[in-house]
N, C-alpha and C. Protein backbone atom coordinates (compact mmCIF):
# COMPACT_ATOMS: atom_id res chain seq x y z
N MET A 1 0.83 -1.19 0.00
CA MET A 1 0.00 0.00 0.00
C MET A 1 0.87 1.26 0.00
N VAL A 2 2.02 1.18 0.65
CA VAL A 2 2.92 2.33 0.67
C VAL A 2 3.28 2.74 -0.75
N TYR A 3 3.61 1.75 -1.57
CA TYR A 3 4.03 2.05 -2.94
C TYR A 3 2.86 2.54 -3.78
N TYR A 4 1.67 2.03 -3.52
CA TYR A 4 0.50 2.44 -4.28
C TYR A 4 0.16 3.91 -3.99
N TYR A 5 0.14 4.28 -2.69
CA TYR A 5 -0.27 5.63 -2.31
C TYR A 5 0.85 6.67 -2.36
N PHE A 6 2.06 6.26 -2.07
CA PHE A 6 3.14 7.23 -1.93
C PHE A 6 4.29 7.05 -2.91
N GLY A 7 4.37 5.93 -3.58
CA GLY A 7 5.45 5.68 -4.52
C GLY A 7 6.62 4.96 -3.90
N ASN A 8 7.03 5.39 -2.70
CA ASN A 8 8.12 4.72 -1.99
C ASN A 8 8.12 5.17 -0.52
N LYS A 9 8.98 4.55 0.26
CA LYS A 9 9.05 4.86 1.70
C LYS A 9 9.56 6.28 1.95
N GLU A 10 10.43 6.76 1.08
CA GLU A 10 10.97 8.12 1.22
C GLU A 10 9.84 9.15 1.14
N LYS A 11 8.96 8.97 0.17
CA LYS A 11 7.85 9.93 0.01
C LYS A 11 6.87 9.83 1.18
N LEU A 12 6.65 8.61 1.66
CA LEU A 12 5.80 8.44 2.84
C LEU A 12 6.39 9.19 4.02
N PHE A 13 7.69 9.03 4.25
CA PHE A 13 8.33 9.72 5.36
C PHE A 13 8.18 11.24 5.22
N ARG A 14 8.37 11.76 4.00
CA ARG A 14 8.23 13.20 3.78
C ARG A 14 6.81 13.66 4.09
N VAL A 15 5.82 12.90 3.67
CA VAL A 15 4.43 13.26 3.95
C VAL A 15 4.16 13.26 5.45
N VAL A 16 4.66 12.27 6.15
CA VAL A 16 4.48 12.21 7.61
C VAL A 16 5.18 13.39 8.28
N LEU A 17 6.39 13.69 7.84
CA LEU A 17 7.15 14.82 8.39
C LEU A 17 6.41 16.14 8.15
N GLU A 18 5.93 16.33 6.93
CA GLU A 18 5.17 17.55 6.61
C GLU A 18 3.93 17.65 7.48
N ALA A 19 3.21 16.54 7.62
CA ALA A 19 1.99 16.54 8.43
C ALA A 19 2.30 16.88 9.88
N THR A 20 3.44 16.42 10.38
CA THR A 20 3.83 16.70 11.76
C THR A 20 4.14 18.18 11.93
N TYR A 21 4.85 18.77 10.99
CA TYR A 21 5.13 20.21 11.05
C TYR A 21 3.85 21.02 10.89
N LEU A 22 2.97 20.59 10.00
CA LEU A 22 1.72 21.32 9.80
C LEU A 22 0.82 21.23 11.04
N SER A 23 0.91 20.12 11.76
CA SER A 23 0.17 19.98 13.02
C SER A 23 0.68 20.98 14.06
N LEU A 24 2.00 21.12 14.13
CA LEU A 24 2.59 22.12 15.03
C LEU A 24 2.13 23.50 14.62
N GLN A 25 2.15 23.77 13.33
CA GLN A 25 1.74 25.09 12.84
C GLN A 25 0.28 25.38 13.18
N ALA A 26 -0.58 24.40 13.04
CA ALA A 26 -1.99 24.58 13.38
C ALA A 26 -2.14 24.89 14.87
N ALA A 27 -1.37 24.20 15.69
CA ALA A 27 -1.42 24.47 17.13
C ALA A 27 -0.91 25.88 17.42
N GLU A 28 0.14 26.30 16.74
CA GLU A 28 0.68 27.64 16.93
C GLU A 28 -0.34 28.70 16.54
N ARG A 29 -1.12 28.43 15.50
CA ARG A 29 -2.14 29.39 15.07
C ARG A 29 -3.23 29.56 16.12
N SER A 30 -3.38 28.59 16.99
CA SER A 30 -4.41 28.69 18.03
C SER A 30 -4.00 29.62 19.17
N LEU A 31 -2.73 30.03 19.17
CA LEU A 31 -2.26 30.95 20.20
C LEU A 31 -2.90 32.33 20.02
N HIS A 32 -3.31 32.93 21.11
CA HIS A 32 -3.85 34.28 21.07
C HIS A 32 -3.02 35.13 22.02
N LEU A 33 -2.00 35.77 21.46
CA LEU A 33 -1.04 36.51 22.28
C LEU A 33 -1.18 38.02 22.16
N ASP A 34 -1.97 38.48 21.20
CA ASP A 34 -2.05 39.92 20.93
C ASP A 34 -2.63 40.72 22.08
N ASP A 35 -3.47 40.10 22.90
CA ASP A 35 -4.09 40.81 24.01
C ASP A 35 -3.23 40.81 25.28
N LEU A 36 -2.11 40.10 25.24
CA LEU A 36 -1.23 40.03 26.40
C LEU A 36 -0.10 41.04 26.27
N ALA A 37 0.39 41.50 27.40
CA ALA A 37 1.57 42.36 27.39
C ALA A 37 2.71 41.57 26.74
N PRO A 38 3.62 42.26 26.02
CA PRO A 38 4.66 41.55 25.28
C PRO A 38 5.48 40.55 26.09
N ALA A 39 5.91 40.90 27.28
CA ALA A 39 6.72 39.98 28.09
C ALA A 39 5.91 38.74 28.47
N ARG A 40 4.66 38.96 28.85
CA ARG A 40 3.80 37.82 29.21
C ARG A 40 3.51 36.96 27.98
N ALA A 41 3.28 37.61 26.84
CA ALA A 41 3.01 36.88 25.60
C ALA A 41 4.21 36.02 25.22
N LEU A 42 5.41 36.55 25.37
CA LEU A 42 6.60 35.77 25.06
C LEU A 42 6.72 34.57 25.99
N GLY A 43 6.45 34.77 27.26
CA GLY A 43 6.47 33.67 28.21
C GLY A 43 5.45 32.59 27.86
N GLU A 44 4.26 33.02 27.46
CA GLU A 44 3.23 32.07 27.04
C GLU A 44 3.65 31.30 25.79
N PHE A 45 4.28 32.02 24.86
CA PHE A 45 4.76 31.37 23.64
C PHE A 45 5.80 30.30 23.99
N CYS A 46 6.75 30.65 24.84
CA CYS A 46 7.78 29.69 25.24
C CYS A 46 7.15 28.45 25.85
N ARG A 47 6.27 28.64 26.80
CA ARG A 47 5.61 27.50 27.45
C ARG A 47 4.85 26.66 26.45
N PHE A 48 4.20 27.33 25.49
CA PHE A 48 3.47 26.60 24.46
C PHE A 48 4.41 25.67 23.68
N VAL A 49 5.53 26.21 23.20
CA VAL A 49 6.49 25.42 22.42
C VAL A 49 6.98 24.24 23.23
N TRP A 50 7.39 24.48 24.45
CA TRP A 50 7.95 23.41 25.27
C TRP A 50 6.91 22.36 25.61
N ARG A 51 5.68 22.80 25.91
CA ARG A 51 4.60 21.86 26.20
C ARG A 51 4.28 21.02 24.95
N TYR A 52 4.31 21.67 23.79
CA TYR A 52 4.03 20.94 22.56
C TYR A 52 5.05 19.82 22.37
N TYR A 53 6.31 20.13 22.57
CA TYR A 53 7.35 19.10 22.43
C TYR A 53 7.12 17.97 23.43
N LEU A 54 6.76 18.29 24.65
CA LEU A 54 6.52 17.28 25.67
C LEU A 54 5.33 16.39 25.30
N GLU A 55 4.27 17.01 24.81
CA GLU A 55 3.04 16.28 24.50
C GLU A 55 3.08 15.57 23.15
N HIS A 56 4.09 15.88 22.32
CA HIS A 56 4.20 15.27 20.99
C HIS A 56 5.60 14.70 20.79
N PRO A 57 5.93 13.64 21.50
CA PRO A 57 7.28 13.06 21.36
C PRO A 57 7.56 12.57 19.94
N GLU A 58 6.50 12.28 19.19
CA GLU A 58 6.71 11.86 17.80
C GLU A 58 7.36 12.97 16.98
N PHE A 59 7.09 14.23 17.33
CA PHE A 59 7.71 15.36 16.63
C PHE A 59 9.23 15.31 16.83
N ILE A 60 9.65 15.13 18.06
CA ILE A 60 11.09 15.07 18.35
C ILE A 60 11.72 13.87 17.65
N GLY A 61 11.06 12.73 17.68
CA GLY A 61 11.60 11.55 17.02
C GLY A 61 11.75 11.74 15.52
N LEU A 62 10.74 12.29 14.89
CA LEU A 62 10.80 12.53 13.44
C LEU A 62 11.88 13.55 13.08
N VAL A 63 11.97 14.62 13.85
CA VAL A 63 12.98 15.64 13.56
C VAL A 63 14.38 15.08 13.77
N ASN A 64 14.56 14.27 14.81
CA ASN A 64 15.86 13.63 15.02
C ASN A 64 16.24 12.77 13.81
N THR A 65 15.29 11.98 13.33
CA THR A 65 15.54 11.13 12.16
C THR A 65 15.86 11.98 10.94
N GLU A 66 15.10 13.05 10.74
CA GLU A 66 15.33 13.91 9.57
C GLU A 66 16.68 14.61 9.67
N ASN A 67 17.12 14.93 10.86
CA ASN A 67 18.45 15.52 11.01
C ASN A 67 19.54 14.52 10.65
N GLN A 68 19.32 13.25 10.97
CA GLN A 68 20.28 12.23 10.56
C GLN A 68 20.37 12.12 9.04
N HIS A 69 19.28 12.46 8.36
CA HIS A 69 19.25 12.45 6.90
C HIS A 69 19.62 13.80 6.29
N ARG A 70 20.11 14.73 7.14
CA ARG A 70 20.55 16.06 6.69
C ARG A 70 19.42 16.84 6.02
N ALA A 71 18.19 16.66 6.52
CA ALA A 71 17.00 17.37 6.04
C ALA A 71 16.68 17.08 4.58
N ARG A 72 17.09 15.93 4.11
CA ARG A 72 16.88 15.55 2.71
C ARG A 72 15.39 15.58 2.33
N HIS A 73 14.54 15.08 3.20
CA HIS A 73 13.11 15.01 2.89
C HIS A 73 12.45 16.38 2.96
N LEU A 74 12.80 17.17 3.97
CA LEU A 74 12.24 18.51 4.08
C LEU A 74 12.63 19.38 2.89
N ARG A 75 13.86 19.27 2.46
CA ARG A 75 14.33 20.08 1.32
C ARG A 75 13.56 19.75 0.04
N GLN A 76 12.99 18.57 -0.03
CA GLN A 76 12.20 18.17 -1.20
C GLN A 76 10.73 18.55 -1.07
N SER A 77 10.36 19.07 0.07
CA SER A 77 8.96 19.38 0.32
C SER A 77 8.53 20.66 -0.40
N PRO A 78 7.42 20.59 -1.12
CA PRO A 78 6.90 21.81 -1.73
C PRO A 78 6.30 22.76 -0.68
N HIS A 79 6.17 22.29 0.55
CA HIS A 79 5.58 23.10 1.63
C HIS A 79 6.63 23.67 2.58
N LEU A 80 7.89 23.56 2.22
CA LEU A 80 8.98 23.92 3.13
C LEU A 80 8.83 25.33 3.70
N THR A 81 8.58 26.32 2.86
CA THR A 81 8.49 27.69 3.37
C THR A 81 7.27 27.91 4.24
N GLU A 82 6.25 27.11 4.07
CA GLU A 82 5.03 27.25 4.87
C GLU A 82 5.18 26.71 6.29
N LEU A 83 6.20 25.89 6.53
CA LEU A 83 6.25 25.12 7.77
C LEU A 83 6.67 25.93 8.99
N VAL A 84 7.58 26.89 8.83
CA VAL A 84 8.08 27.63 9.99
C VAL A 84 7.93 29.14 9.83
N VAL A 85 7.84 29.64 8.62
CA VAL A 85 7.78 31.08 8.38
C VAL A 85 6.68 31.78 9.20
N PRO A 86 5.45 31.21 9.30
CA PRO A 86 4.41 31.92 10.06
C PRO A 86 4.77 32.16 11.52
N ILE A 87 5.46 31.21 12.16
CA ILE A 87 5.78 31.39 13.57
C ILE A 87 6.87 32.42 13.75
N VAL A 88 7.78 32.51 12.81
CA VAL A 88 8.81 33.54 12.87
C VAL A 88 8.15 34.91 12.70
N ALA A 89 7.15 35.00 11.84
CA ALA A 89 6.41 36.25 11.67
C ALA A 89 5.68 36.63 12.95
N LEU A 90 5.12 35.62 13.64
CA LEU A 90 4.45 35.89 14.91
C LEU A 90 5.45 36.48 15.92
N LEU A 91 6.62 35.89 16.00
CA LEU A 91 7.65 36.40 16.92
C LEU A 91 8.12 37.79 16.51
N GLN A 92 8.22 38.04 15.21
CA GLN A 92 8.63 39.35 14.73
C GLN A 92 7.64 40.42 15.20
N GLY A 93 6.35 40.13 15.08
CA GLY A 93 5.33 41.05 15.55
C GLY A 93 5.37 41.24 17.06
N LEU A 94 5.58 40.16 17.78
CA LEU A 94 5.67 40.23 19.23
C LEU A 94 6.88 41.06 19.67
N LEU A 95 8.01 40.87 19.01
CA LEU A 95 9.19 41.66 19.32
C LEU A 95 8.96 43.14 19.02
N ALA A 96 8.31 43.42 17.91
CA ALA A 96 8.02 44.82 17.55
C ALA A 96 7.12 45.47 18.61
N ARG A 97 6.12 44.75 19.09
CA ARG A 97 5.26 45.29 20.15
C ARG A 97 6.05 45.56 21.42
N GLY A 98 6.97 44.63 21.74
CA GLY A 98 7.79 44.81 22.94
C GLY A 98 8.75 45.98 22.83
N VAL A 99 9.33 46.19 21.65
CA VAL A 99 10.22 47.33 21.44
C VAL A 99 9.43 48.62 21.56
N LYS A 100 8.25 48.65 20.94
CA LYS A 100 7.40 49.85 20.99
C LYS A 100 6.99 50.17 22.43
N ALA A 101 6.75 49.13 23.22
CA ALA A 101 6.36 49.32 24.62
C ALA A 101 7.55 49.63 25.52
N GLY A 102 8.76 49.51 24.97
CA GLY A 102 9.97 49.80 25.74
C GLY A 102 10.43 48.69 26.65
N VAL A 103 9.88 47.47 26.47
CA VAL A 103 10.27 46.37 27.34
C VAL A 103 11.25 45.40 26.68
N PHE A 104 11.33 45.41 25.34
CA PHE A 104 12.29 44.58 24.61
C PHE A 104 13.28 45.49 23.91
N ARG A 105 14.50 45.01 23.79
CA ARG A 105 15.51 45.77 23.06
C ARG A 105 15.33 45.58 21.56
N ALA A 106 15.75 46.54 20.81
CA ALA A 106 15.65 46.46 19.35
C ALA A 106 16.77 45.57 18.81
N GLY A 107 16.58 45.10 17.58
CA GLY A 107 17.63 44.38 16.88
C GLY A 107 17.67 42.89 17.10
N ILE A 108 16.67 42.32 17.72
CA ILE A 108 16.66 40.88 17.94
C ILE A 108 16.12 40.19 16.69
N ASP A 109 16.84 39.23 16.20
CA ASP A 109 16.43 38.47 15.02
C ASP A 109 15.39 37.44 15.47
N PRO A 110 14.16 37.51 14.94
CA PRO A 110 13.12 36.57 15.39
C PRO A 110 13.45 35.11 15.07
N THR A 111 14.19 34.87 14.00
CA THR A 111 14.59 33.50 13.68
C THR A 111 15.54 32.96 14.75
N GLU A 112 16.51 33.77 15.14
CA GLU A 112 17.45 33.35 16.20
C GLU A 112 16.73 33.15 17.52
N LEU A 113 15.76 34.00 17.81
CA LEU A 113 14.98 33.86 19.03
C LEU A 113 14.20 32.55 19.01
N TYR A 114 13.59 32.24 17.88
CA TYR A 114 12.85 30.99 17.75
C TYR A 114 13.77 29.79 17.95
N ILE A 115 14.95 29.84 17.36
CA ILE A 115 15.91 28.74 17.52
C ILE A 115 16.28 28.57 18.99
N ALA A 116 16.49 29.67 19.69
CA ALA A 116 16.85 29.60 21.12
C ALA A 116 15.71 29.00 21.94
N ILE A 117 14.50 29.45 21.68
CA ILE A 117 13.34 28.92 22.42
C ILE A 117 13.18 27.42 22.14
N ALA A 118 13.24 27.06 20.86
CA ALA A 118 13.10 25.66 20.50
C ALA A 118 14.21 24.81 21.14
N ALA A 119 15.43 25.32 21.10
CA ALA A 119 16.57 24.57 21.63
C ALA A 119 16.41 24.28 23.12
N LEU A 120 15.94 25.25 23.87
CA LEU A 120 15.81 25.07 25.32
C LEU A 120 14.82 23.96 25.68
N GLY A 121 13.81 23.77 24.88
CA GLY A 121 12.86 22.69 25.14
C GLY A 121 13.24 21.39 24.46
N TYR A 122 13.66 21.50 23.22
CA TYR A 122 13.96 20.32 22.40
C TYR A 122 15.13 19.52 22.97
N PHE A 123 16.23 20.20 23.25
CA PHE A 123 17.41 19.50 23.76
C PHE A 123 17.09 18.81 25.08
N TYR A 124 16.44 19.53 25.97
CA TYR A 124 16.10 18.99 27.27
C TYR A 124 15.29 17.70 27.14
N LEU A 125 14.25 17.74 26.30
CA LEU A 125 13.38 16.58 26.17
C LEU A 125 14.00 15.47 25.33
N SER A 126 14.68 15.82 24.25
CA SER A 126 15.23 14.77 23.39
C SER A 126 16.39 14.04 24.04
N ASN A 127 17.00 14.64 25.04
CA ASN A 127 18.14 14.03 25.73
C ASN A 127 17.85 13.73 27.20
N SER A 128 16.58 13.78 27.57
CA SER A 128 16.25 13.64 29.00
C SER A 128 16.63 12.27 29.58
N ALA A 129 16.58 11.23 28.79
CA ALA A 129 16.94 9.90 29.33
C ALA A 129 18.41 9.85 29.69
N THR A 130 19.27 10.25 28.77
CA THR A 130 20.71 10.20 29.05
C THR A 130 21.11 11.24 30.09
N LEU A 131 20.53 12.44 29.99
CA LEU A 131 20.85 13.46 30.98
C LEU A 131 20.39 13.05 32.37
N SER A 132 19.23 12.43 32.46
CA SER A 132 18.74 11.95 33.76
C SER A 132 19.70 10.93 34.35
N ALA A 133 20.20 10.04 33.51
CA ALA A 133 21.12 9.01 33.99
C ALA A 133 22.42 9.61 34.48
N VAL A 134 23.02 10.50 33.70
CA VAL A 134 24.33 11.04 34.08
C VAL A 134 24.24 12.11 35.16
N LEU A 135 23.12 12.80 35.25
CA LEU A 135 22.97 13.84 36.26
C LEU A 135 22.32 13.34 37.55
N GLY A 136 21.79 12.12 37.51
CA GLY A 136 21.22 11.53 38.71
C GLY A 136 19.91 12.13 39.16
N ARG A 137 19.12 12.65 38.22
CA ARG A 137 17.78 13.14 38.56
C ARG A 137 16.87 12.90 37.38
N GLU A 138 15.63 12.63 37.68
CA GLU A 138 14.65 12.35 36.63
C GLU A 138 14.15 13.67 36.06
N LEU A 139 14.69 14.06 34.91
CA LEU A 139 14.41 15.38 34.35
C LEU A 139 12.97 15.55 33.89
N ARG A 140 12.28 14.45 33.65
CA ARG A 140 10.88 14.56 33.23
C ARG A 140 9.91 14.55 34.41
N ALA A 141 10.43 14.44 35.60
CA ALA A 141 9.56 14.57 36.77
C ALA A 141 8.97 15.98 36.76
N PRO A 142 7.69 16.12 37.11
CA PRO A 142 7.04 17.42 36.99
C PRO A 142 7.80 18.58 37.65
N GLY A 143 8.37 18.37 38.81
CA GLY A 143 9.11 19.44 39.48
C GLY A 143 10.34 19.88 38.72
N HIS A 144 11.10 18.92 38.21
CA HIS A 144 12.30 19.26 37.44
C HIS A 144 11.95 19.90 36.10
N LEU A 145 10.91 19.38 35.48
CA LEU A 145 10.47 19.93 34.20
C LEU A 145 10.02 21.38 34.38
N ASP A 146 9.23 21.63 35.40
CA ASP A 146 8.75 22.99 35.65
C ASP A 146 9.91 23.93 35.99
N ALA A 147 10.86 23.46 36.77
CA ALA A 147 12.03 24.28 37.12
C ALA A 147 12.83 24.63 35.87
N HIS A 148 12.98 23.67 34.97
CA HIS A 148 13.69 23.95 33.72
C HIS A 148 12.94 24.97 32.89
N TRP A 149 11.63 24.83 32.79
CA TRP A 149 10.84 25.77 32.01
C TRP A 149 10.91 27.18 32.60
N ARG A 150 10.86 27.28 33.92
CA ARG A 150 10.98 28.61 34.56
C ARG A 150 12.34 29.22 34.27
N ALA A 151 13.40 28.44 34.43
CA ALA A 151 14.76 28.94 34.18
C ALA A 151 14.93 29.32 32.71
N SER A 152 14.41 28.51 31.82
CA SER A 152 14.52 28.79 30.38
C SER A 152 13.75 30.04 30.01
N ALA A 153 12.55 30.21 30.55
CA ALA A 153 11.76 31.41 30.28
C ALA A 153 12.49 32.65 30.78
N GLU A 154 13.14 32.53 31.93
CA GLU A 154 13.91 33.66 32.46
C GLU A 154 15.08 33.99 31.54
N MET A 155 15.76 32.97 31.01
CA MET A 155 16.86 33.22 30.07
C MET A 155 16.37 33.97 28.84
N ILE A 156 15.25 33.54 28.30
CA ILE A 156 14.70 34.20 27.11
C ILE A 156 14.29 35.63 27.45
N GLN A 157 13.63 35.82 28.58
CA GLN A 157 13.21 37.18 28.98
C GLN A 157 14.42 38.10 29.17
N ARG A 158 15.47 37.58 29.79
CA ARG A 158 16.67 38.41 29.96
C ARG A 158 17.33 38.73 28.63
N PHE A 159 17.26 37.82 27.69
CA PHE A 159 17.85 38.06 26.37
C PHE A 159 17.15 39.19 25.63
N VAL A 160 15.83 39.26 25.75
CA VAL A 160 15.08 40.26 25.00
C VAL A 160 14.88 41.57 25.74
N ARG A 161 15.09 41.57 27.03
CA ARG A 161 14.80 42.74 27.86
C ARG A 161 15.56 43.98 27.43
N ALA A 162 14.86 45.12 27.44
CA ALA A 162 15.47 46.40 27.09
C ALA A 162 16.45 46.83 28.17
């Protein structure tokens, strides 16, 4: 059936990967941050991203696999520009509101900010088993997870603060 519907396993993987990114994008579109103060909105955005990664381990697994393939499947996707550009635009608008309000500094690249936010959640969760073993604490325990999210949100807030 894979060959009938998709042609080969490579195309099936690309379709699954695209669907996973589009699912994240749909969830991101459900965010309503415009009514929140910029600093609070950024904190909510961070928590959303990290919670999404926690609640969708398949996303981390697929992205890890695609990274091993050097993004070969994503680069072939006709939807590539649609997958992340909207969220970077959301952050760009949020940063502009924060600069205008005098709470964020000017000159922050929204793409770099997105990478930093994603990294703080993604690395923690994708490596939690090995990190838990070597650090001697269960990083996915609710208390440790919440402490990491609070510390990470503070790092992001300090990075953008005017």
